[in-house]
């Protein structure tokens, strides 16, 4: 899914979508997601 979403970023960039006004929210959501992932992997064990 990481590589699939990476290719989608190029698709929407090619289609003209402007990411810059959303980049701060995207960045903070990714950092928050890393914390959630760490907690989830502990539960998975």
ModelCIF file with pLDDT and N, C-alpha, C, O atoms, coordinates in Angstrom:
data_MODEL
#
_entry.id   MODEL 
#
_entity.id                         1 
_entity.type                       polymer 
_entity.pdbx_number_of_molecules   1 
#
_entity_poly.entity_id                      1 
_entity_poly.type                           'polypeptide(L)' 
_entity_poly.nstd_linkage                   no 
_entity_poly.nstd_monomer                   no 
_entity_poly.pdbx_seq_one_letter_code       
;(UNK)(UNK)(UNK)(UNK)(UNK)(UNK)(UNK)(UNK)(UNK)(UNK)(UNK)(UNK)(UNK)(UNK)(UNK)(UNK)
(UNK)(UNK)(UNK)(UNK)(UNK)(UNK)(UNK)(UNK)(UNK)(UNK)(UNK)(UNK)(UNK)(UNK)(UNK)(UNK)
(UNK)(UNK)(UNK)(UNK)(UNK)(UNK)(UNK)(UNK)(UNK)(UNK)(UNK)(UNK)(UNK)
;
_entity_poly.pdbx_seq_one_letter_code_can   XXXXXXXXXXXXXXXXXXXXXXXXXXXXXXXXXXXXXXXXXXXXX 
_entity_poly.pdbx_strand_id                 A 
#
loop_
_entity_poly_seq.entity_id 
_entity_poly_seq.num 
_entity_poly_seq.mon_id 
_entity_poly_seq.hetero 
1 1  UNK n 
1 2  UNK n 
1 3  UNK n 
1 4  UNK n 
1 5  UNK n 
1 6  UNK n 
1 7  UNK n 
1 8  UNK n 
1 9  UNK n 
1 10 UNK n 
1 11 UNK n 
1 12 UNK n 
1 13 UNK n 
1 14 UNK n 
1 15 UNK n 
1 16 UNK n 
1 17 UNK n 
1 18 UNK n 
1 19 UNK n 
1 20 UNK n 
1 21 UNK n 
1 22 UNK n 
1 23 UNK n 
1 24 UNK n 
1 25 UNK n 
1 26 UNK n 
1 27 UNK n 
1 28 UNK n 
1 29 UNK n 
1 30 UNK n 
1 31 UNK n 
1 32 UNK n 
1 33 UNK n 
1 34 UNK n 
1 35 UNK n 
1 36 UNK n 
1 37 UNK n 
1 38 UNK n 
1 39 UNK n 
1 40 UNK n 
1 41 UNK n 
1 42 UNK n 
1 43 UNK n 
1 44 UNK n 
1 45 UNK n 
#
_struct_asym.id          A 
_struct_asym.entity_id   1 
#
loop_
_ma_qa_metric.id 
_ma_qa_metric.mode 
_ma_qa_metric.name 
_ma_qa_metric.software_group_id 
_ma_qa_metric.type 
1 global pLDDT . pLDDT 
2 local  pLDDT . pLDDT 
#
_ma_qa_metric_global.metric_id      1 
_ma_qa_metric_global.metric_value   84.98 
_ma_qa_metric_global.model_id       1 
_ma_qa_metric_global.ordinal_id     1 
#
loop_
_ma_qa_metric_local.label_asym_id 
_ma_qa_metric_local.label_comp_id 
_ma_qa_metric_local.label_seq_id 
_ma_qa_metric_local.metric_id 
_ma_qa_metric_local.metric_value 
_ma_qa_metric_local.model_id 
_ma_qa_metric_local.ordinal_id 
A UNK 1  2 89.00 1 1  
A UNK 2  2 92.00 1 2  
A UNK 3  2 88.00 1 3  
A UNK 4  2 85.00 1 4  
A UNK 5  2 83.00 1 5  
A UNK 6  2 85.00 1 6  
A UNK 7  2 81.00 1 7  
A UNK 8  2 74.00 1 8  
A UNK 9  2 75.00 1 9  
A UNK 10 2 74.00 1 10 
A UNK 11 2 72.00 1 11 
A UNK 12 2 73.00 1 12 
A UNK 13 2 71.00 1 13 
A UNK 14 2 65.00 1 14 
A UNK 15 2 64.00 1 15 
A UNK 16 2 68.00 1 16 
A UNK 17 2 72.00 1 17 
A UNK 18 2 73.00 1 18 
A UNK 19 2 76.00 1 19 
A UNK 20 2 82.00 1 20 
A UNK 21 2 86.00 1 21 
A UNK 22 2 88.00 1 22 
A UNK 23 2 88.00 1 23 
A UNK 24 2 90.00 1 24 
A UNK 25 2 91.00 1 25 
A UNK 26 2 91.00 1 26 
A UNK 27 2 92.00 1 27 
A UNK 28 2 93.00 1 28 
A UNK 29 2 93.00 1 29 
A UNK 30 2 94.00 1 30 
A UNK 31 2 94.00 1 31 
A UNK 32 2 94.00 1 32 
A UNK 33 2 93.00 1 33 
A UNK 34 2 93.00 1 34 
A UNK 35 2 94.00 1 35 
A UNK 36 2 94.00 1 36 
A UNK 37 2 93.00 1 37 
A UNK 38 2 94.00 1 38 
A UNK 39 2 93.00 1 39 
A UNK 40 2 91.00 1 40 
A UNK 41 2 91.00 1 41 
A UNK 42 2 91.00 1 42 
A UNK 43 2 88.00 1 43 
A UNK 44 2 87.00 1 44 
A UNK 45 2 86.00 1 45 
#
loop_
_atom_site.group_PDB 
_atom_site.id 
_atom_site.type_symbol 
_atom_site.label_atom_id 
_atom_site.label_alt_id 
_atom_site.label_comp_id 
_atom_site.label_asym_id 
_atom_site.label_entity_id 
_atom_site.label_seq_id 
_atom_site.pdbx_PDB_ins_code 
_atom_site.Cartn_x 
_atom_site.Cartn_y 
_atom_site.Cartn_z 
_atom_site.occupancy 
_atom_site.B_iso_or_equiv 
_atom_site.pdbx_formal_charge 
_atom_site.auth_seq_id 
_atom_site.auth_comp_id 
_atom_site.auth_asym_id 
_atom_site.auth_atom_id 
_atom_site.pdbx_PDB_model_num 
ATOM 1   N N  . UNK A 1 1  ? 0.825  -1.205  0.000   1.00 89.00 ? 1  UNK A N  1 
ATOM 2   C CA . UNK A 1 1  ? 0.000  0.000   0.000   1.00 89.00 ? 1  UNK A CA 1 
ATOM 3   C C  . UNK A 1 1  ? 0.862  1.258   0.000   1.00 89.00 ? 1  UNK A C  1 
ATOM 4   O O  . UNK A 1 1  ? 0.457  2.280   -0.554  1.00 89.00 ? 1  UNK A O  1 
ATOM 5   N N  . UNK A 1 2  ? 2.038  1.200   0.610   1.00 92.00 ? 2  UNK A N  1 
ATOM 6   C CA . UNK A 1 2  ? 2.937  2.356   0.584   1.00 92.00 ? 2  UNK A CA 1 
ATOM 7   C C  . UNK A 1 2  ? 3.288  2.717   -0.849  1.00 92.00 ? 2  UNK A C  1 
ATOM 8   O O  . UNK A 1 2  ? 3.191  3.881   -1.236  1.00 92.00 ? 2  UNK A O  1 
ATOM 9   N N  . UNK A 1 3  ? 3.691  1.735   -1.636  1.00 88.00 ? 3  UNK A N  1 
ATOM 10  C CA . UNK A 1 3  ? 4.075  2.004   -3.019  1.00 88.00 ? 3  UNK A CA 1 
ATOM 11  C C  . UNK A 1 3  ? 2.860  2.325   -3.887  1.00 88.00 ? 3  UNK A C  1 
ATOM 12  O O  . UNK A 1 3  ? 2.960  3.108   -4.832  1.00 88.00 ? 3  UNK A O  1 
ATOM 13  N N  . UNK A 1 4  ? 1.720  1.728   -3.571  1.00 85.00 ? 4  UNK A N  1 
ATOM 14  C CA . UNK A 1 4  ? 0.524  2.058   -4.336  1.00 85.00 ? 4  UNK A CA 1 
ATOM 15  C C  . UNK A 1 4  ? 0.125  3.513   -4.123  1.00 85.00 ? 4  UNK A C  1 
ATOM 16  O O  . UNK A 1 4  ? -0.190 4.210   -5.088  1.00 85.00 ? 4  UNK A O  1 
ATOM 17  N N  . UNK A 1 5  ? 0.133  3.979   -2.892  1.00 83.00 ? 5  UNK A N  1 
ATOM 18  C CA . UNK A 1 5  ? -0.210 5.372   -2.624  1.00 83.00 ? 5  UNK A CA 1 
ATOM 19  C C  . UNK A 1 5  ? 0.842  6.329   -3.174  1.00 83.00 ? 5  UNK A C  1 
ATOM 20  O O  . UNK A 1 5  ? 0.516  7.454   -3.551  1.00 83.00 ? 5  UNK A O  1 
ATOM 21  N N  . UNK A 1 6  ? 2.098  5.894   -3.225  1.00 85.00 ? 6  UNK A N  1 
ATOM 22  C CA . UNK A 1 6  ? 3.143  6.727   -3.814  1.00 85.00 ? 6  UNK A CA 1 
ATOM 23  C C  . UNK A 1 6  ? 2.862  6.964   -5.295  1.00 85.00 ? 6  UNK A C  1 
ATOM 24  O O  . UNK A 1 6  ? 3.009  8.085   -5.781  1.00 85.00 ? 6  UNK A O  1 
ATOM 25  N N  . UNK A 1 7  ? 2.462  5.928   -6.008  1.00 81.00 ? 7  UNK A N  1 
ATOM 26  C CA . UNK A 1 7  ? 2.139  6.102   -7.430  1.00 81.00 ? 7  UNK A CA 1 
ATOM 27  C C  . UNK A 1 7  ? 0.917  6.998   -7.605  1.00 81.00 ? 7  UNK A C  1 
ATOM 28  O O  . UNK A 1 7  ? 0.834  7.745   -8.580  1.00 81.00 ? 7  UNK A O  1 
ATOM 29  N N  . UNK A 1 8  ? -0.040 6.932   -6.665  1.00 74.00 ? 8  UNK A N  1 
ATOM 30  C CA . UNK A 1 8  ? -1.221 7.793   -6.760  1.00 74.00 ? 8  UNK A CA 1 
ATOM 31  C C  . UNK A 1 8  ? -0.843 9.270   -6.622  1.00 74.00 ? 8  UNK A C  1 
ATOM 32  O O  . UNK A 1 8  ? -1.460 10.133  -7.246  1.00 74.00 ? 8  UNK A O  1 
ATOM 33  N N  . UNK A 1 9  ? 0.165  9.554   -5.809  1.00 75.00 ? 9  UNK A N  1 
ATOM 34  C CA . UNK A 1 9  ? 0.604  10.942  -5.658  1.00 75.00 ? 9  UNK A CA 1 
ATOM 35  C C  . UNK A 1 9  ? 1.059  11.496  -7.010  1.00 75.00 ? 9  UNK A C  1 
ATOM 36  O O  . UNK A 1 9  ? 0.772  12.646  -7.343  1.00 75.00 ? 9  UNK A O  1 
ATOM 37  N N  . UNK A 1 10 ? 1.768  10.672  -7.786  1.00 74.00 ? 10 UNK A N  1 
ATOM 38  C CA . UNK A 1 10 ? 2.201  11.105  -9.115  1.00 74.00 ? 10 UNK A CA 1 
ATOM 39  C C  . UNK A 1 10 ? 1.006  11.270  -10.054 1.00 74.00 ? 10 UNK A C  1 
ATOM 40  O O  . UNK A 1 10 ? 0.977  12.191  -10.871 1.00 74.00 ? 10 UNK A O  1 
ATOM 41  N N  . UNK A 1 11 ? 0.019  10.373  -9.934  1.00 72.00 ? 11 UNK A N  1 
ATOM 42  C CA . UNK A 1 11 ? -1.167 10.461  -10.788 1.00 72.00 ? 11 UNK A CA 1 
ATOM 43  C C  . UNK A 1 11 ? -1.891 11.776  -10.561 1.00 72.00 ? 11 UNK A C  1 
ATOM 44  O O  . UNK A 1 11 ? -2.235 12.471  -11.517 1.00 72.00 ? 11 UNK A O  1 
ATOM 45  N N  . UNK A 1 12 ? -2.125 12.124  -9.299  1.00 73.00 ? 12 UNK A N  1 
ATOM 46  C CA . UNK A 1 12 ? -2.879 13.346  -9.023  1.00 73.00 ? 12 UNK A CA 1 
ATOM 47  C C  . UNK A 1 12 ? -2.036 14.588  -9.264  1.00 73.00 ? 12 UNK A C  1 
ATOM 48  O O  . UNK A 1 12 ? -2.572 15.640  -9.613  1.00 73.00 ? 12 UNK A O  1 
ATOM 49  N N  . UNK A 1 13 ? -0.729 14.481  -9.084  1.00 71.00 ? 13 UNK A N  1 
ATOM 50  C CA . UNK A 1 13 ? 0.130  15.592  -9.448  1.00 71.00 ? 13 UNK A CA 1 
ATOM 51  C C  . UNK A 1 13 ? 0.100  15.824  -10.951 1.00 71.00 ? 13 UNK A C  1 
ATOM 52  O O  . UNK A 1 13 ? 0.057  16.967  -11.408 1.00 71.00 ? 13 UNK A O  1 
ATOM 53  N N  . UNK A 1 14 ? 0.123  14.743  -11.715 1.00 65.00 ? 14 UNK A N  1 
ATOM 54  C CA . UNK A 1 14 ? 0.038  14.818  -13.170 1.00 65.00 ? 14 UNK A CA 1 
ATOM 55  C C  . UNK A 1 14 ? -1.295 15.422  -13.601 1.00 65.00 ? 14 UNK A C  1 
ATOM 56  O O  . UNK A 1 14 ? -1.366 16.148  -14.592 1.00 65.00 ? 14 UNK A O  1 
ATOM 57  N N  . UNK A 1 15 ? -2.354 15.113  -12.844 1.00 64.00 ? 15 UNK A N  1 
ATOM 58  C CA . UNK A 1 15 ? -3.690 15.614  -13.177 1.00 64.00 ? 15 UNK A CA 1 
ATOM 59  C C  . UNK A 1 15 ? -3.889 17.065  -12.759 1.00 64.00 ? 15 UNK A C  1 
ATOM 60  O O  . UNK A 1 15 ? -4.917 17.665  -13.073 1.00 64.00 ? 15 UNK A O  1 
ATOM 61  N N  . UNK A 1 16 ? -2.913 17.635  -12.053 1.00 68.00 ? 16 UNK A N  1 
ATOM 62  C CA . UNK A 1 16 ? -2.985 19.047  -11.722 1.00 68.00 ? 16 UNK A CA 1 
ATOM 63  C C  . UNK A 1 16 ? -3.414 19.369  -10.306 1.00 68.00 ? 16 UNK A C  1 
ATOM 64  O O  . UNK A 1 16 ? -3.624 20.539  -9.987  1.00 68.00 ? 16 UNK A O  1 
ATOM 65  N N  . UNK A 1 17 ? -3.554 18.363  -9.439  1.00 72.00 ? 17 UNK A N  1 
ATOM 66  C CA . UNK A 1 17 ? -3.957 18.666  -8.067  1.00 72.00 ? 17 UNK A CA 1 
ATOM 67  C C  . UNK A 1 17 ? -2.818 19.372  -7.340  1.00 72.00 ? 17 UNK A C  1 
ATOM 68  O O  . UNK A 1 17 ? -1.665 18.949  -7.418  1.00 72.00 ? 17 UNK A O  1 
ATOM 69  N N  . UNK A 1 18 ? -3.150 20.452  -6.632  1.00 73.00 ? 18 UNK A N  1 
ATOM 70  C CA . UNK A 1 18 ? -2.153 21.238  -5.908  1.00 73.00 ? 18 UNK A CA 1 
ATOM 71  C C  . UNK A 1 18 ? -2.133 20.786  -4.448  1.00 73.00 ? 18 UNK A C  1 
ATOM 72  O O  . UNK A 1 18 ? -3.100 20.981  -3.712  1.00 73.00 ? 18 UNK A O  1 
ATOM 73  N N  . UNK A 1 19 ? -1.019 20.182  -4.045  1.00 76.00 ? 19 UNK A N  1 
ATOM 74  C CA . UNK A 1 19 ? -0.913 19.617  -2.699  1.00 76.00 ? 19 UNK A CA 1 
ATOM 75  C C  . UNK A 1 19 ? -0.504 20.641  -1.638  1.00 76.00 ? 19 UNK A C  1 
ATOM 76  O O  . UNK A 1 19 ? -0.749 20.417  -0.453  1.00 76.00 ? 19 UNK A O  1 
ATOM 77  N N  . UNK A 1 20 ? 0.118  21.766  -2.035  1.00 82.00 ? 20 UNK A N  1 
ATOM 78  C CA . UNK A 1 20 ? 0.841  22.573  -1.053  1.00 82.00 ? 20 UNK A CA 1 
ATOM 79  C C  . UNK A 1 20 ? -0.037 23.094  0.081   1.00 82.00 ? 20 UNK A C  1 
ATOM 80  O O  . UNK A 1 20 ? 0.431  23.179  1.216   1.00 82.00 ? 20 UNK A O  1 
ATOM 81  N N  . UNK A 1 21 ? -1.304 23.447  -0.189  1.00 86.00 ? 21 UNK A N  1 
ATOM 82  C CA . UNK A 1 21 ? -2.124 23.982  0.888   1.00 86.00 ? 21 UNK A CA 1 
ATOM 83  C C  . UNK A 1 21 ? -2.580 22.906  1.873   1.00 86.00 ? 21 UNK A C  1 
ATOM 84  O O  . UNK A 1 21 ? -3.079 23.219  2.954   1.00 86.00 ? 21 UNK A O  1 
ATOM 85  N N  . UNK A 1 22 ? -2.406 21.644  1.497   1.00 88.00 ? 22 UNK A N  1 
ATOM 86  C CA . UNK A 1 22 ? -2.782 20.544  2.380   1.00 88.00 ? 22 UNK A CA 1 
ATOM 87  C C  . UNK A 1 22 ? -1.581 19.875  3.037   1.00 88.00 ? 22 UNK A C  1 
ATOM 88  O O  . UNK A 1 22 ? -1.757 19.028  3.913   1.00 88.00 ? 22 UNK A O  1 
ATOM 89  N N  . UNK A 1 23 ? -0.363 20.236  2.633   1.00 88.00 ? 23 UNK A N  1 
ATOM 90  C CA . UNK A 1 23 ? 0.837  19.542  3.123   1.00 88.00 ? 23 UNK A CA 1 
ATOM 91  C C  . UNK A 1 23 ? 1.016  19.609  4.643   1.00 88.00 ? 23 UNK A C  1 
ATOM 92  O O  . UNK A 1 23 ? 1.389  18.596  5.235   1.00 88.00 ? 23 UNK A O  1 
ATOM 93  N N  . UNK A 1 24 ? 0.769  20.760  5.316   1.00 90.00 ? 24 UNK A N  1 
ATOM 94  C CA . UNK A 1 24 ? 0.917  20.755  6.784   1.00 90.00 ? 24 UNK A CA 1 
ATOM 95  C C  . UNK A 1 24 ? -0.002 19.748  7.470   1.00 90.00 ? 24 UNK A C  1 
ATOM 96  O O  . UNK A 1 24 ? 0.431  19.033  8.374   1.00 90.00 ? 24 UNK A O  1 
ATOM 97  N N  . UNK A 1 25 ? -1.265 19.685  7.049   1.00 91.00 ? 25 UNK A N  1 
ATOM 98  C CA . UNK A 1 25 ? -2.189 18.714  7.639   1.00 91.00 ? 25 UNK A CA 1 
ATOM 99  C C  . UNK A 1 25 ? -1.737 17.293  7.347   1.00 91.00 ? 25 UNK A C  1 
ATOM 100 O O  . UNK A 1 25 ? -1.766 16.436  8.230   1.00 91.00 ? 25 UNK A O  1 
ATOM 101 N N  . UNK A 1 26 ? -1.318 17.038  6.112   1.00 91.00 ? 26 UNK A N  1 
ATOM 102 C CA . UNK A 1 26 ? -0.840 15.705  5.740   1.00 91.00 ? 26 UNK A CA 1 
ATOM 103 C C  . UNK A 1 26 ? 0.335  15.303  6.625   1.00 91.00 ? 26 UNK A C  1 
ATOM 104 O O  . UNK A 1 26 ? 0.382  14.176  7.118   1.00 91.00 ? 26 UNK A O  1 
ATOM 105 N N  . UNK A 1 27 ? 1.286  16.216  6.831   1.00 92.00 ? 27 UNK A N  1 
ATOM 106 C CA . UNK A 1 27 ? 2.459  15.905  7.630   1.00 92.00 ? 27 UNK A CA 1 
ATOM 107 C C  . UNK A 1 27 ? 2.121  15.577  9.080   1.00 92.00 ? 27 UNK A C  1 
ATOM 108 O O  . UNK A 1 27 ? 2.653  14.618  9.639   1.00 92.00 ? 27 UNK A O  1 
ATOM 109 N N  . UNK A 1 28 ? 1.241  16.365  9.689   1.00 93.00 ? 28 UNK A N  1 
ATOM 110 C CA . UNK A 1 28 ? 0.872  16.122  11.092  1.00 93.00 ? 28 UNK A CA 1 
ATOM 111 C C  . UNK A 1 28 ? 0.071  14.831  11.215  1.00 93.00 ? 28 UNK A C  1 
ATOM 112 O O  . UNK A 1 28 ? 0.240  14.090  12.183  1.00 93.00 ? 28 UNK A O  1 
ATOM 113 N N  . UNK A 1 29 ? -0.802 14.551  10.243  1.00 93.00 ? 29 UNK A N  1 
ATOM 114 C CA . UNK A 1 29 ? -1.573 13.308  10.275  1.00 93.00 ? 29 UNK A CA 1 
ATOM 115 C C  . UNK A 1 29 ? -0.650 12.096  10.128  1.00 93.00 ? 29 UNK A C  1 
ATOM 116 O O  . UNK A 1 29 ? -0.893 11.060  10.746  1.00 93.00 ? 29 UNK A O  1 
ATOM 117 N N  . UNK A 1 30 ? 0.393  12.215  9.325   1.00 94.00 ? 30 UNK A N  1 
ATOM 118 C CA . UNK A 1 30 ? 1.350  11.108  9.179   1.00 94.00 ? 30 UNK A CA 1 
ATOM 119 C C  . UNK A 1 30 ? 2.081  10.855  10.497  1.00 94.00 ? 30 UNK A C  1 
ATOM 120 O O  . UNK A 1 30 ? 2.229  9.707   10.915  1.00 94.00 ? 30 UNK A O  1 
ATOM 121 N N  . UNK A 1 31 ? 2.537  11.925  11.152  1.00 94.00 ? 31 UNK A N  1 
ATOM 122 C CA . UNK A 1 31 ? 3.218  11.769  12.447  1.00 94.00 ? 31 UNK A CA 1 
ATOM 123 C C  . UNK A 1 31 ? 2.292  11.142  13.483  1.00 94.00 ? 31 UNK A C  1 
ATOM 124 O O  . UNK A 1 31 ? 2.704  10.275  14.253  1.00 94.00 ? 31 UNK A O  1 
ATOM 125 N N  . UNK A 1 32 ? 1.043  11.585  13.494  1.00 94.00 ? 32 UNK A N  1 
ATOM 126 C CA . UNK A 1 32 ? 0.063  11.003  14.414  1.00 94.00 ? 32 UNK A CA 1 
ATOM 127 C C  . UNK A 1 32 ? -0.165 9.536   14.086  1.00 94.00 ? 32 UNK A C  1 
ATOM 128 O O  . UNK A 1 32 ? -0.329 8.711   14.985  1.00 94.00 ? 32 UNK A O  1 
ATOM 129 N N  . UNK A 1 33 ? -0.175 9.213   12.799  1.00 93.00 ? 33 UNK A N  1 
ATOM 130 C CA . UNK A 1 33 ? -0.368 7.830   12.378  1.00 93.00 ? 33 UNK A CA 1 
ATOM 131 C C  . UNK A 1 33 ? 0.781  6.927   12.794  1.00 93.00 ? 33 UNK A C  1 
ATOM 132 O O  . UNK A 1 33 ? 0.563  5.752   13.093  1.00 93.00 ? 33 UNK A O  1 
ATOM 133 N N  . UNK A 1 34 ? 2.001  7.454   12.820  1.00 93.00 ? 34 UNK A N  1 
ATOM 134 C CA . UNK A 1 34 ? 3.159  6.663   13.251  1.00 93.00 ? 34 UNK A CA 1 
ATOM 135 C C  . UNK A 1 34 ? 2.992  6.240   14.716  1.00 93.00 ? 34 UNK A C  1 
ATOM 136 O O  . UNK A 1 34 ? 3.308  5.109   15.084  1.00 93.00 ? 34 UNK A O  1 
ATOM 137 N N  . UNK A 1 35 ? 2.492  7.160   15.541  1.00 94.00 ? 35 UNK A N  1 
ATOM 138 C CA . UNK A 1 35 ? 2.249  6.832   16.952  1.00 94.00 ? 35 UNK A CA 1 
ATOM 139 C C  . UNK A 1 35 ? 1.200  5.724   17.059  1.00 94.00 ? 35 UNK A C  1 
ATOM 140 O O  . UNK A 1 35 ? 1.371  4.767   17.815  1.00 94.00 ? 35 UNK A O  1 
ATOM 141 N N  . UNK A 1 36 ? 0.113  5.863   16.295  1.00 94.00 ? 36 UNK A N  1 
ATOM 142 C CA . UNK A 1 36 ? -0.929 4.841   16.308  1.00 94.00 ? 36 UNK A CA 1 
ATOM 143 C C  . UNK A 1 36 ? -0.424 3.496   15.817  1.00 94.00 ? 36 UNK A C  1 
ATOM 144 O O  . UNK A 1 36 ? -0.811 2.454   16.345  1.00 94.00 ? 36 UNK A O  1 
ATOM 145 N N  . UNK A 1 37 ? 0.445  3.513   14.802  1.00 93.00 ? 37 UNK A N  1 
ATOM 146 C CA . UNK A 1 37 ? 1.022  2.270   14.281  1.00 93.00 ? 37 UNK A CA 1 
ATOM 147 C C  . UNK A 1 37 ? 1.850  1.567   15.342  1.00 93.00 ? 37 UNK A C  1 
ATOM 148 O O  . UNK A 1 37 ? 1.757  0.350   15.497  1.00 93.00 ? 37 UNK A O  1 
ATOM 149 N N  . UNK A 1 38 ? 2.668  2.328   16.081  1.00 94.00 ? 38 UNK A N  1 
ATOM 150 C CA . UNK A 1 38 ? 3.499  1.746   17.128  1.00 94.00 ? 38 UNK A CA 1 
ATOM 151 C C  . UNK A 1 38 ? 2.625  1.068   18.186  1.00 94.00 ? 38 UNK A C  1 
ATOM 152 O O  . UNK A 1 38 ? 2.944  -0.031  18.640  1.00 94.00 ? 38 UNK A O  1 
ATOM 153 N N  . UNK A 1 39 ? 1.541  1.708   18.575  1.00 93.00 ? 39 UNK A N  1 
ATOM 154 C CA . UNK A 1 39 ? 0.634  1.122   19.565  1.00 93.00 ? 39 UNK A CA 1 
ATOM 155 C C  . UNK A 1 39 ? -0.054 -0.121  19.006  1.00 93.00 ? 39 UNK A C  1 
ATOM 156 O O  . UNK A 1 39 ? -0.208 -1.122  19.706  1.00 93.00 ? 39 UNK A O  1 
ATOM 157 N N  . UNK A 1 40 ? -0.469 -0.050  17.736  1.00 91.00 ? 40 UNK A N  1 
ATOM 158 C CA . UNK A 1 40 ? -1.157 -1.179  17.116  1.00 91.00 ? 40 UNK A CA 1 
ATOM 159 C C  . UNK A 1 40 ? -0.279 -2.400  16.976  1.00 91.00 ? 40 UNK A C  1 
ATOM 160 O O  . UNK A 1 40 ? -0.747 -3.523  17.161  1.00 91.00 ? 40 UNK A O  1 
ATOM 161 N N  . UNK A 1 41 ? 0.998  -2.201  16.649  1.00 91.00 ? 41 UNK A N  1 
ATOM 162 C CA . UNK A 1 41 ? 1.918  -3.332  16.508  1.00 91.00 ? 41 UNK A CA 1 
ATOM 163 C C  . UNK A 1 41 ? 2.182  -4.007  17.855  1.00 91.00 ? 41 UNK A C  1 
ATOM 164 O O  . UNK A 1 41 ? 2.392  -5.219  17.913  1.00 91.00 ? 41 UNK A O  1 
ATOM 165 N N  . UNK A 1 42 ? 2.170  -3.239  18.917  1.00 91.00 ? 42 UNK A N  1 
ATOM 166 C CA . UNK A 1 42 ? 2.302  -3.839  20.244  1.00 91.00 ? 42 UNK A CA 1 
ATOM 167 C C  . UNK A 1 42 ? 1.102  -4.733  20.553  1.00 91.00 ? 42 UNK A C  1 
ATOM 168 O O  . UNK A 1 42 ? 1.245  -5.792  21.165  1.00 91.00 ? 42 UNK A O  1 
ATOM 169 N N  . UNK A 1 43 ? -0.077 -4.296  20.124  1.00 88.00 ? 43 UNK A N  1 
ATOM 170 C CA . UNK A 1 43 ? -1.287 -5.104  20.316  1.00 88.00 ? 43 UNK A CA 1 
ATOM 171 C C  . UNK A 1 43 ? -1.244 -6.354  19.441  1.00 88.00 ? 43 UNK A C  1 
ATOM 172 O O  . UNK A 1 43 ? -1.679 -7.425  19.864  1.00 88.00 ? 43 UNK A O  1 
ATOM 173 N N  . UNK A 1 44 ? -0.714 -6.217  18.210  1.00 87.00 ? 44 UNK A N  1 
ATOM 174 C CA . UNK A 1 44 ? -0.632 -7.346  17.286  1.00 87.00 ? 44 UNK A CA 1 
ATOM 175 C C  . UNK A 1 44 ? 0.176  -8.494  17.881  1.00 87.00 ? 44 UNK A C  1 
ATOM 176 O O  . UNK A 1 44 ? -0.162 -9.660  17.676  1.00 87.00 ? 44 UNK A O  1 
ATOM 177 N N  . UNK A 1 45 ? 1.246  -8.173  18.619  1.00 86.00 ? 45 UNK A N  1 
ATOM 178 C CA . UNK A 1 45 ? 2.099  -9.204  19.202  1.00 86.00 ? 45 UNK A CA 1 
ATOM 179 C C  . UNK A 1 45 ? 1.340  -10.081 20.194  1.00 86.00 ? 45 UNK A C  1 
ATOM 180 O O  . UNK A 1 45 ? 1.918  -10.999 20.775  1.00 86.00 ? 45 UNK A O  1 
#
